[in-house]
PDB file of N, CA and C in Angstrom:
ATOM      1  N   SER A   1       0.535   8.534   3.257  1.00  0.00           N
ATOM      2  CA  SER A   1      -0.580   7.346   3.434  1.00  0.00           C
ATOM      3  C   SER A   1       0.116   7.505   5.234  1.00  0.00           C
ATOM      4  N   PRO A   2      -0.627   6.965   6.263  1.00  0.00           N
ATOM      5  CA  PRO A   2      -0.039   7.463   6.989  1.00  0.00           C
ATOM      6  C   PRO A   2       0.201   5.196   8.346  1.00  0.00           C
ATOM      7  N   VAL A   3       0.488   5.039   7.178  1.00  0.00           N
ATOM      8  CA  VAL A   3       0.962   3.448   7.216  1.00  0.00           C
ATOM      9  C   VAL A   3       2.652   2.585   6.639  1.00  0.00           C
ATOM     10  N   ASP A   4       3.173   2.044   7.516  1.00  0.00           N
ATOM     11  CA  ASP A   4       4.822   1.712   7.097  1.00  0.00           C
ATOM     12  C   ASP A   4       4.639   0.739   6.566  1.00  0.00           C
ATOM     13  N   ASP A   5       5.532   0.064   6.358  1.00  0.00           N
ATOM     14  CA  ASP A   5       5.671  -1.253   5.623  1.00  0.00           C
ATOM     15  C   ASP A   5       5.640  -2.863   6.239  1.00  0.00           C
ATOM     16  N   GLU A   6       5.336  -2.918   7.524  1.00  0.00           N
ATOM     17  CA  GLU A   6       4.794  -3.867   8.296  1.00  0.00           C
ATOM     18  C   GLU A   6       3.247  -4.040   9.003  1.00  0.00           C
ATOM     19  N   ARG A   7       2.068  -2.544   7.868  1.00  0.00           N
ATOM     20  CA  ARG A   7       0.874  -2.242   8.021  1.00  0.00           C
ATOM     21  C   ARG A   7       0.677  -1.876   9.240  1.00  0.00           C
ATOM     22  N   LYS A   8       1.256  -0.774   9.866  1.00  0.00           N
ATOM     23  CA  LYS A   8       1.339  -0.804  11.301  1.00  0.00           C
ATOM     24  C   LYS A   8       0.871   1.083  11.016  1.00  0.00           C
ATOM     25  N   PHE A   9       0.121   1.747  11.480  1.00  0.00           N
ATOM     26  CA  PHE A   9       0.287   3.243  11.694  1.00  0.00           C
ATOM     27  C   PHE A   9       1.838   3.785  11.838  1.00  0.00           C
ATOM     28  N   ILE A  10       1.961   5.000  11.472  1.00  0.00           N
ATOM     29  CA  ILE A  10       3.077   5.479  12.207  1.00  0.00           C
ATOM     30  C   ILE A  10       2.885   7.176  13.228  1.00  0.00           C
ATOM     31  N   LYS A  11       3.700   7.476  13.594  1.00  0.00           N
ATOM     32  CA  LYS A  11       3.717   8.672  14.330  1.00  0.00           C
ATOM     33  C   LYS A  11       2.442   9.523  13.471  1.00  0.00           C
ATOM     34  N   GLU A  12       2.498  10.232  11.984  1.00  0.00           N
ATOM     35  CA  GLU A  12       1.523  11.152  11.942  1.00  0.00           C
ATOM     36  C   GLU A  12       0.163  10.741  11.971  1.00  0.00           C
ATOM     37  N   ALA A  13       0.380   9.203  12.631  1.00  0.00           N
ATOM     38  CA  ALA A  13      -1.632   8.809  12.931  1.00  0.00           C
ATOM     39  C   ALA A  13      -2.276   8.965  14.715  1.00  0.00           C
ATOM     40  N   ARG A  14      -0.877   9.304  15.224  1.00  0.00           N
ATOM     41  CA  ARG A  14      -1.008  10.428  16.578  1.00  0.00           C
ATOM     42  C   ARG A  14      -1.664   8.979  17.247  1.00  0.00           C
ATOM     43  N   PHE A  15      -3.223   9.322  17.186  1.00  0.00           N
ATOM     44  CA  PHE A  15      -3.964   7.447  18.611  1.00  0.00           C
ATOM     45  C   PHE A  15      -3.947   6.157  17.813  1.00  0.00           C
ATOM     46  N   PHE A  16      -3.699   6.291  16.916  1.00  0.00           N
ATOM     47  CA  PHE A  16      -3.427   4.887  15.934  1.00  0.00           C
ATOM     48  C   PHE A  16      -2.625   4.249  15.696  1.00  0.00           C
ATOM     49  N   TYR A  17      -0.537   5.032  16.464  1.00  0.00           N
ATOM     50  CA  TYR A  17       0.490   4.810  16.204  1.00  0.00           C
ATOM     51  C   TYR A  17       0.808   3.658  16.582  1.00  0.00           C
ATOM     52  N   GLY A  18       1.389   2.323  15.643  1.00  0.00           N
ATOM     53  CA  GLY A  18       1.439   1.289  16.657  1.00  0.00           C
ATOM     54  C   GLY A  18       0.653   0.327  16.394  1.00  0.00           C
ATOM     55  N   LEU A  19      -0.554   0.437  15.714  1.00  0.00           N
ATOM     56  CA  LEU A  19      -1.553  -0.220  15.246  1.00  0.00           C
ATOM     57  C   LEU A  19      -1.682  -0.447  14.358  1.00  0.00           C
ATOM     58  N   ASP A  20      -2.015  -1.898  13.788  1.00  0.00           N
ATOM     59  CA  ASP A  20      -1.996  -2.671  13.264  1.00  0.00           C
ATOM     60  C   ASP A  20      -3.406  -2.165  12.003  1.00  0.00           C
ATOM     61  N   VAL A  21      -3.286  -1.784  10.538  1.00  0.00           N
ATOM     62  CA  VAL A  21      -4.218  -1.286   9.807  1.00  0.00           C
ATOM     63  C   VAL A  21      -5.200  -1.747   9.678  1.00  0.00           C
ATOM     64  N   LEU A  22      -5.724  -3.444   9.568  1.00  0.00           N
ATOM     65  CA  LEU A  22      -6.678  -4.067   9.431  1.00  0.00           C
ATOM     66  C   LEU A  22      -6.982  -5.397  10.945  1.00  0.00           C
ATOM     67  N   GLY A  23      -6.419  -4.727  11.766  1.00  0.00           N
ATOM     68  CA  GLY A  23      -6.347  -5.645  13.199  1.00  0.00           C
ATOM     69  C   GLY A  23      -6.964  -4.250  14.017  1.00  0.00           C
ATOM     70  N   ASP A  24      -6.082  -4.537  15.511  1.00  0.00           N
ATOM     71  CA  ASP A  24      -7.144  -3.449  16.447  1.00  0.00           C
ATOM     72  C   ASP A  24      -6.702  -1.877  15.878  1.00  0.00           C
ATOM     73  N   GLY A  25      -5.978  -1.475  14.705  1.00  0.00           N
ATOM     74  CA  GLY A  25      -6.263  -0.215  14.131  1.00  0.00           C
ATOM     75  C   GLY A  25      -7.622   0.396  13.904  1.00  0.00           C
ATOM     76  N   ASN A  26      -8.082  -0.638  13.218  1.00  0.00           N
ATOM     77  CA  ASN A  26      -9.705  -0.615  12.510  1.00  0.00           C
ATOM     78  C   ASN A  26     -10.408  -0.375  13.555  1.00  0.00           C
ATOM     79  N   ALA A  27      -9.793  -1.707  14.722  1.00  0.00           N
ATOM     80  CA  ALA A  27     -11.259  -1.238  15.831  1.00  0.00           C
ATOM     81  C   ALA A  27     -11.152  -0.167  16.514  1.00  0.00           C
ATOM     82  N   ALA A  28      -9.710   0.524  16.838  1.00  0.00           N
ATOM     83  CA  ALA A  28      -9.783   1.492  17.568  1.00  0.00           C
ATOM     84  C   ALA A  28     -10.164   2.806  16.621  1.00  0.00           C
ATOM     85  N   LEU A  29     -10.032   3.281  15.274  1.00  0.00           N
ATOM     86  CA  LEU A  29     -10.484   4.124  14.804  1.00  0.00           C
ATOM     87  C   LEU A  29     -11.524   4.481  14.574  1.00  0.00           C
ATOM     88  N   ILE A  30     -12.070   3.098  14.395  1.00  0.00           N
ATOM     89  CA  ILE A  30     -13.779   3.770  14.841  1.00  0.00           C
ATOM     90  C   ILE A  30     -14.400   3.973  15.893  1.00  0.00           C
ATOM     91  N   ASP A  31     -13.177   3.449  17.157  1.00  0.00           N
ATOM     92  CA  ASP A  31     -14.253   3.776  18.875  1.00  0.00           C
ATOM     93  C   ASP A  31     -13.760   5.525  19.264  1.00  0.00           C
ATOM     94  N   HIS A  32     -12.831   6.193  18.336  1.00  0.00           N
ATOM     95  CA  HIS A  32     -12.127   7.145  18.578  1.00  0.00           C
ATOM     96  C   HIS A  32     -13.328   8.030  18.052  1.00  0.00           C
ATOM     97  N   LEU A  33     -13.708   7.694  16.567  1.00  0.00           N
ATOM     98  CA  LEU A  33     -14.458   8.177  16.088  1.00  0.00           C
ATOM     99  C   LEU A  33     -16.130   8.515  16.579  1.00  0.00           C
ATOM    100  N   ASP A  34     -16.546   7.403  17.296  1.00  0.00           N
ATOM    101  CA  ASP A  34     -18.129   6.705  17.355  1.00  0.00           C
ATOM    102  C   ASP A  34     -17.096   8.049  19.694  1.00  0.00           C
ATOM    103  N   GLU A  35     -16.612   7.655  19.732  1.00  0.00           N
ATOM    104  CA  GLU A  35     -16.430   9.114  21.181  1.00  0.00           C
ATOM    105  C   GLU A  35     -16.312  10.656  20.973  1.00  0.00           C
ATOM    106  N   ARG A  36     -16.436  10.839  19.577  1.00  0.00           N
ATOM    107  CA  ARG A  36     -16.582  11.811  18.930  1.00  0.00           C
ATOM    108  C   ARG A  36     -17.531  12.216  18.945  1.00  0.00           C
ATOM    109  N   SER A  37     -18.564  11.326  18.279  1.00  0.00           N
ATOM    110  CA  SER A  37     -19.657  11.132  17.565  1.00  0.00           C
ATOM    111  C   SER A  37     -19.607  12.239  16.084  1.00  0.00           C
ATOM    112  N   SER A  38     -19.118  11.342  15.158  1.00  0.00           N
ATOM    113  CA  SER A  38     -18.090  11.878  14.652  1.00  0.00           C
ATOM    114  C   SER A  38     -18.424  10.649  13.257  1.00  0.00           C
ATOM    115  N   ILE A  39     -19.377   9.396  13.523  1.00  0.00           N
ATOM    116  CA  ILE A  39     -19.593   8.229  12.768  1.00  0.00           C
ATOM    117  C   ILE A  39     -21.258   7.925  13.125  1.00  0.00           C
ATOM    118  N   ILE A  40     -21.472   7.727  11.904  1.00  0.00           N
ATOM    119  CA  ILE A  40     -23.120   7.754  11.862  1.00  0.00           C
ATOM    120  C   ILE A  40     -23.789   6.652  12.664  1.00  0.00           C
ATOM    121  N   MET A  41     -22.913   5.527  11.939  1.00  0.00           N
ATOM    122  CA  MET A  41     -23.257   4.147  11.672  1.00  0.00           C
ATOM    123  C   MET A  41     -21.831   3.360  11.152  1.00  0.00           C
ATOM    124  N   VAL A  42     -21.805   1.928  12.382  1.00  0.00           N
ATOM    125  CA  VAL A  42     -20.597   0.689  11.420  1.00  0.00           C
ATOM    126  C   VAL A  42     -21.266  -0.120  10.866  1.00  0.00           C
ATOM    127  N   GLU A  43     -21.310  -1.072   9.505  1.00  0.00           N
ATOM    128  CA  GLU A  43     -21.677  -2.215   8.770  1.00  0.00           C
ATOM    129  C   GLU A  43     -20.954  -2.760   8.735  1.00  0.00           C
ATOM    130  N   PRO A  44     -20.396  -4.214   9.127  1.00  0.00           N
ATOM    131  CA  PRO A  44     -19.317  -5.047   8.623  1.00  0.00           C
ATOM    132  C   PRO A  44     -19.585  -5.268   7.065  1.00  0.00           C
ATOM    133  N   TYR A  45     -18.449  -5.505   6.663  1.00  0.00           N
ATOM    134  CA  TYR A  45     -17.811  -5.184   5.518  1.00  0.00           C
ATOM    135  C   TYR A  45     -17.166  -6.477   5.176  1.00  0.00           C
ATOM    136  N   LYS A  46     -17.165  -7.164   4.329  1.00  0.00           N
ATOM    137  CA  LYS A  46     -15.639  -8.267   3.737  1.00  0.00           C
ATOM    138  C   LYS A  46     -15.340  -7.209   2.701  1.00  0.00           C
ATOM    139  N   HIS A  47     -13.844  -7.428   3.451  1.00  0.00           N
ATOM    140  CA  HIS A  47     -13.256  -6.465   2.384  1.00  0.00           C
ATOM    141  C   HIS A  47     -12.613  -8.006   1.224  1.00  0.00           C
ATOM    142  N   LYS A  48     -12.954  -6.974   0.075  1.00  0.00           N
ATOM    143  CA  LYS A  48     -11.595  -8.228  -0.739  1.00  0.00           C
ATOM    144  C   LYS A  48     -10.680  -7.740  -1.398  1.00  0.00           C
ATOM    145  N   TYR A  49      -9.187  -7.223  -0.437  1.00  0.00           N
ATOM    146  CA  TYR A  49      -8.149  -7.048  -0.222  1.00  0.00           C
ATOM    147  C   TYR A  49      -7.476  -8.617  -1.247  1.00  0.00           C
ATOM    148  N   PRO A  50      -6.215  -7.331  -1.567  1.00  0.00           N
ATOM    149  CA  PRO A  50      -5.344  -8.069  -2.520  1.00  0.00           C
ATOM    150  C   PRO A  50      -4.610  -8.946  -1.581  1.00  0.00           C
ATOM    151  N   TYR A  51      -4.258 -10.446  -1.354  1.00  0.00           N
ATOM    152  CA  TYR A  51      -3.215 -11.321  -1.148  1.00  0.00           C
ATOM    153  C   TYR A  51      -2.629 -11.655  -2.017  1.00  0.00           C
ATOM    154  N   ASP A  52      -1.340 -11.703  -0.659  1.00  0.00           N
ATOM    155  CA  ASP A  52       0.030 -11.959  -1.103  1.00  0.00           C
ATOM    156  C   ASP A  52       0.128 -13.632  -0.368  1.00  0.00           C
ATOM    157  N   TRP A  53       0.396 -13.972  -1.369  1.00  0.00           N
ATOM    158  CA  TRP A  53       0.504 -15.393  -1.434  1.00  0.00           C
ATOM    159  C   TRP A  53       2.148 -16.382   0.000  1.00  0.00           C
ATOM    160  N   ARG A  54       2.860 -15.263  -0.625  1.00  0.00           N
ATOM    161  CA  ARG A  54       4.119 -15.584  -0.158  1.00  0.00           C
ATOM    162  C   ARG A  54       4.148 -15.385   2.015  1.00  0.00           C
ATOM    163  N   SER A  55       3.510 -14.138   1.971  1.00  0.00           N
ATOM    164  CA  SER A  55       3.119 -14.023   3.515  1.00  0.00           C
ATOM    165  C   SER A  55       2.043 -14.239   4.183  1.00  0.00           C
ATOM    166  N   GLU A  56       1.296 -14.710   3.346  1.00  0.00           N
ATOM    167  CA  GLU A  56      -0.510 -15.350   3.423  1.00  0.00           C
ATOM    168  C   GLU A  56      -1.219 -13.894   4.390  1.00  0.00           C
ATOM    169  N   LYS A  57      -0.944 -12.693   4.149  1.00  0.00           N
ATOM    170  CA  LYS A  57      -1.322 -11.778   4.608  1.00  0.00           C
ATOM    171  C   LYS A  57      -1.858 -11.085   2.976  1.00  0.00           C
ATOM    172  N   HIS A  58      -3.300 -10.002   3.437  1.00  0.00           N
ATOM    173  CA  HIS A  58      -3.477  -9.413   2.863  1.00  0.00           C
ATOM    174  C   HIS A  58      -2.519  -8.248   2.561  1.00  0.00           C
ATOM    175  N   THR A  59      -2.593  -7.373   1.016  1.00  0.00           N
ATOM    176  CA  THR A  59      -1.970  -6.582   1.099  1.00  0.00           C
ATOM    177  C   THR A  59      -2.733  -5.440   1.157  1.00  0.00           C
ATOM    178  N   ILE A  60      -1.665  -4.088   1.267  1.00  0.00           N
ATOM    179  CA  ILE A  60      -2.075  -2.755   1.042  1.00  0.00           C
ATOM    180  C   ILE A  60      -1.985  -1.620   0.191  1.00  0.00           C
ATOM    181  N   VAL A  61      -3.147  -1.194  -0.476  1.00  0.00           N
ATOM    182  CA  VAL A  61      -2.341   0.003  -1.478  1.00  0.00           C
ATOM    183  C   VAL A  61      -2.512   1.154  -0.477  1.00  0.00           C
ATOM    184  N   ARG A  62      -0.978   1.634  -0.662  1.00  0.00           N
ATOM    185  CA  ARG A  62      -0.707   2.764  -0.191  1.00  0.00           C
ATOM    186  C   ARG A  62      -0.005   4.001  -1.342  1.00  0.00           C
ATOM    187  N   ALA A  63      -0.603   5.361  -0.634  1.00  0.00           N
ATOM    188  CA  ALA A  63       0.277   5.877  -1.853  1.00  0.00           C
ATOM    189  C   ALA A  63       1.776   6.646  -1.183  1.00  0.00           C
ATOM    190  N   THR A  64       2.514   6.851  -2.207  1.00  0.00           N
ATOM    191  CA  THR A  64       4.193   6.388  -2.274  1.00  0.00           C
ATOM    192  C   THR A  64       4.417   7.915  -2.832  1.00  0.00           C
ATOM    193  N   THR A  65       5.838   8.223  -2.399  1.00  0.00           N
ATOM    194  CA  THR A  65       6.309   9.105  -3.202  1.00  0.00           C
ATOM    195  C   THR A  65       6.628   8.600  -4.387  1.00  0.00           C
ATOM    196  N   GLN A  66       6.717   9.211  -5.645  1.00  0.00           N
ATOM    197  CA  GLN A  66       6.964   8.260  -7.115  1.00  0.00           C
ATOM    198  C   GLN A  66       7.899   9.443  -7.932  1.00  0.00           C
ATOM    199  N   TRP A  67       8.046   8.744  -9.037  1.00  0.00           N
ATOM    200  CA  TRP A  67       9.109  10.561  -9.446  1.00  0.00           C
ATOM    201  C   TRP A  67       8.798   9.646 -11.328  1.00  0.00           C
ATOM    202  N   CYS A  68       9.259  10.142 -12.088  1.00  0.00           N
ATOM    203  CA  CYS A  68       8.606  10.144 -13.433  1.00  0.00           C
ATOM    204  C   CYS A  68      10.300  10.315 -14.447  1.00  0.00           C
ATOM    205  N   ALA A  69      11.101   9.666 -15.476  1.00  0.00           N
ATOM    206  CA  ALA A  69      11.617  10.448 -15.758  1.00  0.00           C
ATOM    207  C   ALA A  69      11.834  10.545 -17.361  1.00  0.00           C
ATOM    208  N   SER A  70      12.120  10.933 -17.813  1.00  0.00           N
ATOM    209  CA  SER A  70      11.959  10.685 -19.456  1.00  0.00           C
ATOM    210  C   SER A  70      12.809  10.007 -20.397  1.00  0.00           C
ATOM    211  N   VAL A  71      12.566   9.147 -21.226  1.00  0.00           N
ATOM    212  CA  VAL A  71      13.906   8.268 -21.580  1.00  0.00           C
ATOM    213  C   VAL A  71      14.212   8.607 -22.753  1.00  0.00           C
ATOM    214  N   GLU A  72      13.587  10.071 -23.397  1.00  0.00           N
ATOM    215  CA  GLU A  72      13.953  10.077 -25.256  1.00  0.00           C
ATOM    216  C   GLU A  72      15.583  10.483 -25.195  1.00  0.00           C
ATOM    217  N   GLY A  73      15.733  10.670 -23.627  1.00  0.00           N
ATOM    218  CA  GLY A  73      17.984  10.576 -24.100  1.00  0.00           C
ATOM    219  C   GLY A  73      18.222   9.947 -24.692  1.00  0.00           C
ATOM    220  N   PHE A  74      17.686   8.343 -23.796  1.00  0.00           N
ATOM    221  CA  PHE A  74      18.514   7.163 -24.404  1.00  0.00           C
ATOM    222  C   PHE A  74      17.447   6.350 -25.007  1.00  0.00           C
ATOM    223  N   ARG A  75      16.159   6.396 -25.077  1.00  0.00           N
ATOM    224  CA  ARG A  75      14.989   5.340 -25.904  1.00  0.00           C
ATOM    225  C   ARG A  75      16.113   4.788 -26.724  1.00  0.00           C
ATOM    226  N   GLU A  76      16.773   5.744 -28.072  1.00  0.00           N
ATOM    227  CA  GLU A  76      17.007   4.503 -28.936  1.00  0.00           C
ATOM    228  C   GLU A  76      18.132   4.235 -28.918  1.00  0.00           C
ATOM    229  N   ALA A  77      19.205   4.707 -27.776  1.00  0.00           N
ATOM    230  CA  ALA A  77      19.938   3.042 -27.241  1.00  0.00           C
ATOM    231  C   ALA A  77      19.870   2.423 -27.305  1.00  0.00           C
ATOM    232  N   ALA A  78      18.518   2.420 -26.339  1.00  0.00           N
ATOM    233  CA  ALA A  78      18.198   1.500 -25.534  1.00  0.00           C
ATOM    234  C   ALA A  78      16.973   0.300 -26.118  1.00  0.00           C
ATOM    235  N   MET A  79      16.545   0.783 -27.117  1.00  0.00           N
ATOM    236  CA  MET A  79      15.976   0.100 -28.050  1.00  0.00           C
ATOM    237  C   MET A  79      16.680  -0.512 -29.307  1.00  0.00           C
ATOM    238  N   ASN A  80      17.865   0.249 -29.518  1.00  0.00           N
ATOM    239  CA  ASN A  80      18.863  -0.766 -30.668  1.00  0.00           C
ATOM    240  C   ASN A  80      19.552  -2.170 -29.159  1.00  0.00           C
ATOM    241  N   ALA A  81      20.142  -1.403 -27.996  1.00  0.00           N
ATOM    242  CA  ALA A  81      20.485  -2.459 -27.291  1.00  0.00           C
ATOM    243  C   ALA A  81      19.535  -3.899 -27.018  1.00  0.00           C
ATOM    244  N   ILE A  82      17.901  -3.641 -27.288  1.00  0.00           N
ATOM    245  CA  ILE A  82      17.855  -5.028 -26.993  1.00  0.00           C
ATOM    246  C   ILE A  82      17.011  -6.070 -28.301  1.00  0.00           C
ATOM    247  N   ASN A  83      17.826  -5.771 -29.677  1.00  0.00           N
ATOM    248  CA  ASN A  83      17.871  -6.276 -30.578  1.00  0.00           C
ATOM    249  C   ASN A  83      18.936  -6.715 -31.274  1.00  0.00           C
ATOM    250  N   GLN A  84      20.291  -6.078 -29.786  1.00  0.00           N
ATOM    251  CA  GLN A  84      21.265  -7.098 -30.186  1.00  0.00           C
ATOM    252  C   GLN A  84      21.518  -8.464 -28.881  1.00  0.00           C
ATOM    253  N   VAL A  85      20.631  -8.570 -28.008  1.00  0.00           N
ATOM    254  CA  VAL A  85      19.788  -9.317 -26.971  1.00  0.00           C
ATOM    255  C   VAL A  85      19.159 -10.865 -27.711  1.00  0.00           C
ATOM    256  N   VAL A  86      20.561 -12.138 -27.730  1.00  0.00           N
ATOM    257  CA  VAL A  86      20.205 -13.213 -27.617  1.00  0.00           C
ATOM    258  C   VAL A  86      19.182 -13.510 -26.851  1.00  0.00           C
ATOM    259  N   TRP A  87      17.629 -13.684 -27.319  1.00  0.00           N
ATOM    260  CA  TRP A  87      16.701 -14.457 -26.296  1.00  0.00           C
ATOM    261  C   TRP A  87      16.726 -15.972 -26.513  1.00  0.00           C
ATOM    262  N   THR A  88      16.312 -16.322 -25.246  1.00  0.00           N
ATOM    263  CA  THR A  88      17.035 -17.768 -24.970  1.00  0.00           C
ATOM    264  C   THR A  88      15.467 -18.944 -24.582  1.00  0.00           C
ATOM    265  N   LEU A  89      14.412 -19.290 -24.517  1.00  0.00           N
ATOM    266  CA  LEU A  89      13.630 -20.233 -23.671  1.00  0.00           C
ATOM    267  C   LEU A  89      14.372 -21.462 -23.297  1.00  0.00           C
ATOM    268  N   SER A  90      13.731 -21.137 -22.085  1.00  0.00           N
ATOM    269  CA  SER A  90      14.593 -22.061 -20.899  1.00  0.00           C
ATOM    270  C   SER A  90      12.885 -22.964 -20.248  1.00  0.00           C
TER     271      SER A  90
END
Protein backbone atom coordinates (compact mmCIF):
# COMPACT_ATOMS: atom_id res chain seq x y z
CA SER A 1 0.00 0.00 0.00
CA PRO A 2 1.72 3.19 -1.12
CA VAL A 3 0.19 5.21 1.73
CA ASP A 4 1.81 6.29 5.00
CA ASP A 5 0.39 6.75 8.50
CA GLU A 6 -0.52 10.36 7.66
CA ARG A 7 -2.80 9.30 4.76
CA LYS A 8 -0.29 10.58 2.21
CA PHE A 9 1.15 8.80 -0.81
CA ILE A 10 4.73 7.58 -0.27
CA LYS A 11 7.64 7.78 -2.76
CA GLU A 12 6.54 4.55 -4.47
CA ALA A 13 3.48 6.44 -5.71
CA ARG A 14 5.83 8.66 -7.78
CA PHE A 15 3.64 11.41 -9.27
CA PHE A 16 1.41 11.53 -6.21
CA TYR A 17 4.11 11.54 -3.51
CA GLY A 18 3.10 13.62 -0.49
CA LEU A 19 -0.50 14.14 -1.59
CA ASP A 20 -3.37 13.24 0.74
CA VAL A 21 -5.14 10.09 -0.44
CA LEU A 22 -8.63 11.42 0.19
CA GLY A 23 -7.86 14.99 -0.90
CA ASP A 24 -5.47 16.33 -3.52
CA GLY A 25 -4.13 12.84 -4.23
CA ASN A 26 -7.48 11.57 -5.44
CA ALA A 27 -7.92 14.50 -7.86
CA ALA A 28 -4.30 14.19 -9.09
CA LEU A 29 -4.76 10.49 -9.74
CA ILE A 30 -7.90 11.09 -11.81
CA ASP A 31 -6.14 13.86 -13.78
CA HIS A 32 -3.13 11.61 -14.39
CA LEU A 33 -5.31 8.80 -15.74
CA ASP A 34 -7.36 11.22 -17.86
CA GLU A 35 -4.24 12.79 -19.43
CA ARG A 36 -3.17 9.33 -20.55
CA SER A 37 -6.62 8.30 -21.79
CA SER A 38 -6.58 5.56 -19.18
CA ILE A 39 -9.95 6.30 -17.62
CA ILE A 40 -13.35 5.98 -19.24
CA MET A 41 -15.38 8.14 -16.89
CA VAL A 42 -15.48 9.67 -13.43
CA GLU A 43 -18.63 9.41 -11.40
CA PRO A 44 -18.86 11.01 -7.96
CA TYR A 45 -19.48 8.48 -5.23
CA LYS A 46 -19.78 9.27 -1.55
CA HIS A 47 -17.77 6.44 -0.03
CA LYS A 48 -18.59 5.51 3.54
CA TYR A 49 -15.09 5.28 5.03
CA PRO A 50 -14.81 4.18 8.65
CA TYR A 51 -14.52 7.28 10.85
CA ASP A 52 -12.12 7.89 13.76
CA TRP A 53 -13.96 10.00 16.32
CA ARG A 54 -10.71 11.07 18.04
CA SER A 55 -8.95 12.54 15.01
CA GLU A 56 -12.23 13.40 13.27
CA LYS A 57 -10.85 11.87 10.07
CA HIS A 58 -11.82 8.95 7.92
CA THR A 59 -9.68 5.88 8.45
CA ILE A 60 -8.02 4.17 5.54
CA VAL A 61 -7.58 0.41 5.45
CA ARG A 62 -4.10 -0.48 4.20
CA ALA A 63 -2.40 -3.72 3.34
CA THR A 64 0.57 -4.03 5.69
CA THR A 65 3.15 -6.66 6.51
CA GLN A 66 1.86 -9.04 9.14
CA TRP A 67 3.17 -12.11 10.85
CA CYS A 68 1.61 -14.95 12.78
CA ALA A 69 3.02 -17.20 15.46
CA SER A 70 1.98 -20.57 16.75
CA VAL A 71 0.88 -20.54 20.40
CA GLU A 72 1.04 -24.30 20.72
CA GLY A 73 4.33 -24.11 22.64
CA PHE A 74 2.80 -22.03 25.45
CA ARG A 75 -0.97 -22.39 25.04
CA GLU A 76 -1.50 -24.65 28.04
CA ALA A 77 0.63 -22.44 30.31
CA ALA A 78 -1.28 -19.33 29.15
CA MET A 79 -4.64 -20.98 29.75
CA ASN A 80 -3.51 -22.06 33.24
CA ALA A 81 -2.29 -18.54 33.99
CA ILE A 82 -5.66 -17.09 32.97
CA ASN A 83 -7.33 -19.35 35.54
CA GLN A 84 -5.06 -17.86 38.25
CA VAL A 85 -6.17 -14.27 37.55
CA VAL A 86 -8.52 -12.66 40.04
CA TRP A 87 -11.01 -10.75 37.92
CA THR A 88 -12.79 -7.73 39.41
CA LEU A 89 -15.51 -5.56 37.96
CA SER A 90 -15.28 -1.82 38.31
